[in-house]
């Protein structure tokens, strides 16, 4: 003889709550792709304090050096982020071009460096300096550029433009788009 069990009546919310929770837990287990702890998007896998990083070419010559109070690497995008970086880019004549900014990013394989916030590039021999908001540098082409308004200074001369390019191995620089400048007159005894 069949036996039936009858439960006392419950409010509808009490039945739906636990049932919905069990359904959710059951569905979570089906996909099997739970995030790995410590390796989620944007979470760093390591950081260094008071770090100094030097990159070398295939001949063992240093071509890029960065010093920073804090360096953070995120594996999801393979980017190294730095605070207040100060560094040097070495050209093919072994001259060191100084770079500084408020923050910096070194992309995959270290081929592109992006400096943001009061970014500066200082040329060692001709005493010119560039100030801009964002400065990019591509190691493969030894090309520095900015698409943000830039100020170029050399001695008492100042030039402004909306785009800046420099090829450090060629010792060549270009300032374009809405260029304005202040070039003080030199006295005759200073020459041309």
Protein backbone atom coordinates (compact mmCIF):
# COMPACT_ATOMS: atom_id res chain seq x y z
CA UNK A 1 0.00 0.00 0.00
CA UNK A 2 1.52 3.34 -1.01
CA UNK A 3 2.30 5.82 1.72
CA UNK A 4 2.07 9.57 1.16
CA UNK A 5 3.62 12.15 3.34
CA UNK A 6 2.01 15.49 3.70
CA UNK A 7 3.99 18.42 5.00
CA UNK A 8 2.32 21.27 6.80
CA UNK A 9 1.75 24.32 4.57
CA UNK A 10 4.61 26.94 4.36
CA UNK A 11 4.70 30.44 3.04
CA UNK A 12 5.73 30.55 -0.65
CA UNK A 13 8.89 32.63 0.06
CA UNK A 14 10.31 29.98 2.37
CA UNK A 15 10.14 27.32 -0.36
CA UNK A 16 11.46 29.51 -3.19
CA UNK A 17 14.46 30.84 -1.21
CA UNK A 18 16.24 27.54 -0.48
CA UNK A 19 15.21 26.07 -3.83
CA UNK A 20 16.64 29.04 -5.72
CA UNK A 21 19.89 28.84 -3.73
CA UNK A 22 20.30 25.13 -4.43
CA UNK A 23 19.60 25.68 -8.12
CA UNK A 24 22.30 28.42 -8.22
CA UNK A 25 24.86 26.19 -6.47
CA UNK A 26 24.08 23.31 -8.79
CA UNK A 27 24.55 25.49 -11.91
CA UNK A 28 27.90 26.83 -10.67
CA UNK A 29 29.37 23.35 -10.59
CA UNK A 30 28.37 22.55 -14.18
CA UNK A 31 30.68 24.92 -16.06
CA UNK A 32 33.86 23.93 -14.16
CA UNK A 33 35.54 27.26 -14.98
CA UNK A 34 35.87 28.88 -11.60
CA UNK A 35 38.40 31.70 -11.43
CA UNK A 36 41.85 30.81 -10.18
CA UNK A 37 42.54 32.66 -6.93
CA UNK A 38 45.34 35.22 -7.32
CA UNK A 39 45.15 35.26 -11.12
CA UNK A 40 41.98 37.22 -11.87
CA UNK A 41 41.88 40.12 -14.32
CA UNK A 42 43.79 43.11 -13.05
CA UNK A 43 45.19 41.37 -9.98
CA UNK A 44 49.00 41.50 -9.81
CA UNK A 45 51.06 38.34 -9.57
CA UNK A 46 54.05 40.23 -8.15
CA UNK A 47 55.24 43.67 -7.15
CA UNK A 48 58.62 45.08 -6.23
CA UNK A 49 59.51 48.09 -4.12
CA UNK A 50 62.56 50.31 -4.74
CA UNK A 51 63.14 48.42 -7.98
CA UNK A 52 65.76 48.93 -10.64
CA UNK A 53 65.20 47.17 -13.97
CA UNK A 54 67.74 46.99 -16.81
CA UNK A 55 67.03 45.51 -20.24
CA UNK A 56 69.80 44.16 -22.47
CA UNK A 57 70.04 43.59 -26.23
CA UNK A 58 71.21 40.38 -27.92
CA UNK A 59 74.86 41.53 -27.57
CA UNK A 60 74.48 42.03 -23.82
CA UNK A 61 74.47 45.84 -23.95
CA UNK A 62 72.05 47.71 -21.69
CA UNK A 63 69.54 49.71 -23.71
CA UNK A 64 66.90 50.64 -21.13
CA UNK A 65 67.02 51.22 -17.40
CA UNK A 66 64.14 52.16 -15.11
CA UNK A 67 64.15 52.88 -11.41
CA UNK A 68 60.90 53.15 -9.48
CA UNK A 69 59.66 53.12 -5.88
CA UNK A 70 57.03 50.52 -6.90
CA UNK A 71 56.70 48.14 -9.83
CA UNK A 72 53.60 45.94 -10.34
CA UNK A 73 53.07 43.18 -12.93
CA UNK A 74 49.62 41.96 -13.97
CA UNK A 75 49.60 38.60 -15.78
CA UNK A 76 46.23 39.08 -17.49
CA UNK A 77 47.65 41.76 -19.81
CA UNK A 78 51.38 41.12 -19.16
CA UNK A 79 52.01 44.79 -18.35
CA UNK A 80 54.46 46.20 -15.84
CA UNK A 81 53.18 49.39 -14.17
CA UNK A 82 55.50 51.76 -12.34
CA UNK A 83 55.13 54.71 -10.00
CA UNK A 84 57.36 57.77 -10.48
CA UNK A 85 59.72 56.05 -12.94
CA UNK A 86 63.12 57.56 -13.63
CA UNK A 87 65.17 55.96 -16.35
CA UNK A 88 67.54 56.05 -19.28
CA UNK A 89 67.18 55.00 -22.90
CA UNK A 90 70.52 54.18 -24.54
CA UNK A 91 70.93 54.99 -28.22
CA UNK A 92 73.26 53.22 -30.68
CA UNK A 93 76.07 55.67 -29.78
CA UNK A 94 75.72 54.65 -26.10
CA UNK A 95 74.32 58.06 -25.07
CA UNK A 96 71.75 57.93 -22.29
CA UNK A 97 68.51 59.86 -22.83
CA UNK A 98 66.83 60.56 -19.49
CA UNK A 99 63.07 59.91 -18.99
CA UNK A 100 60.80 60.65 -16.02
CA UNK A 101 57.06 60.80 -15.31
CA UNK A 102 54.43 60.24 -12.62
CA UNK A 103 53.50 56.74 -13.86
CA UNK A 104 54.73 54.33 -16.49
CA UNK A 105 53.76 51.14 -18.29
CA UNK A 106 56.00 48.62 -20.01
CA UNK A 107 54.07 46.47 -22.48
CA UNK A 108 54.52 42.83 -23.44
CA UNK A 109 58.10 41.88 -24.12
CA UNK A 110 59.12 45.36 -22.98
CA UNK A 111 59.01 46.73 -26.51
CA UNK A 112 56.88 49.79 -25.71
CA UNK A 113 57.21 52.13 -22.76
CA UNK A 114 54.43 54.63 -22.01
CA UNK A 115 55.09 57.45 -19.55
CA UNK A 116 52.17 59.52 -18.23
CA UNK A 117 51.85 62.66 -16.15
CA UNK A 118 54.59 65.29 -16.46
CA UNK A 119 56.52 63.05 -18.83
CA UNK A 120 60.00 64.32 -19.73
CA UNK A 121 62.65 63.31 -22.24
CA UNK A 122 66.07 64.94 -21.98
CA UNK A 123 68.60 64.76 -24.82
CA UNK A 124 72.12 64.42 -23.41
CA UNK A 125 74.43 66.31 -25.77
CA UNK A 126 72.40 69.14 -27.29
CA UNK A 127 70.78 70.08 -23.97
CA UNK A 128 67.18 69.97 -25.12
CA UNK A 129 64.29 68.67 -23.07
CA UNK A 130 60.72 67.74 -23.87
CA UNK A 131 57.77 68.10 -21.49
CA UNK A 132 54.43 66.50 -22.29
CA UNK A 133 51.54 64.65 -20.65
CA UNK A 134 52.02 61.27 -22.35
CA UNK A 135 55.22 60.02 -23.97
CA UNK A 136 55.54 56.71 -25.83
CA UNK A 137 58.78 54.94 -26.69
CA UNK A 138 59.22 51.97 -29.04
CA UNK A 139 62.48 50.10 -28.39
CA UNK A 140 62.58 48.36 -31.78
CA UNK A 141 62.56 51.64 -33.71
CA UNK A 142 64.21 53.82 -31.02
CA UNK A 143 61.25 56.15 -31.59
CA UNK A 144 59.80 58.44 -28.90
CA UNK A 145 56.55 60.30 -29.61
CA UNK A 146 53.71 62.20 -28.03
CA UNK A 147 50.23 62.98 -29.35
CA UNK A 148 49.59 65.37 -26.46
CA UNK A 149 50.67 69.04 -26.42
CA UNK A 150 54.43 69.19 -25.99
CA UNK A 151 56.95 71.84 -24.97
CA UNK A 152 60.48 71.59 -26.30
CA UNK A 153 63.19 73.64 -24.57
CA UNK A 154 66.80 74.27 -25.48
CA UNK A 155 68.75 76.87 -23.53
CA UNK A 156 66.51 79.98 -23.57
CA UNK A 157 64.43 78.85 -26.57
CA UNK A 158 60.94 77.35 -26.21
CA UNK A 159 58.79 75.67 -28.86
CA UNK A 160 55.29 74.21 -28.47
CA UNK A 161 53.38 71.82 -30.68
CA UNK A 162 50.60 69.24 -30.58
CA UNK A 163 52.78 66.32 -31.70
CA UNK A 164 56.38 65.38 -31.04
CA UNK A 165 58.58 62.68 -32.59
CA UNK A 166 62.21 61.77 -31.90
CA UNK A 167 64.34 58.98 -33.33
CA UNK A 168 67.16 58.70 -30.81
CA UNK A 169 69.47 56.51 -32.91
CA UNK A 170 69.29 59.08 -35.72
CA UNK A 171 69.53 62.08 -33.36
CA UNK A 172 66.50 63.51 -35.19
CA UNK A 173 63.49 65.30 -33.71
CA UNK A 174 60.28 66.81 -35.10
CA UNK A 175 57.62 69.05 -33.53
CA UNK A 176 54.41 69.44 -35.60
CA UNK A 177 50.79 70.65 -35.54
CA UNK A 178 50.13 74.19 -34.30
CA UNK A 179 53.81 74.93 -33.61
CA UNK A 180 54.59 78.14 -31.74
CA UNK A 181 57.91 79.29 -30.38
CA UNK A 182 59.95 81.86 -28.56
CA UNK A 183 63.38 82.32 -30.04
CA UNK A 184 65.18 85.25 -28.40
CA UNK A 185 67.49 87.28 -30.59
CA UNK A 186 71.15 86.69 -30.09
CA UNK A 187 73.61 89.55 -29.89
CA UNK A 188 76.00 89.93 -32.81
CA UNK A 189 79.03 88.85 -30.79
CA UNK A 190 77.35 85.49 -29.99
CA UNK A 191 77.36 84.56 -33.67
CA UNK A 192 74.70 82.65 -35.50
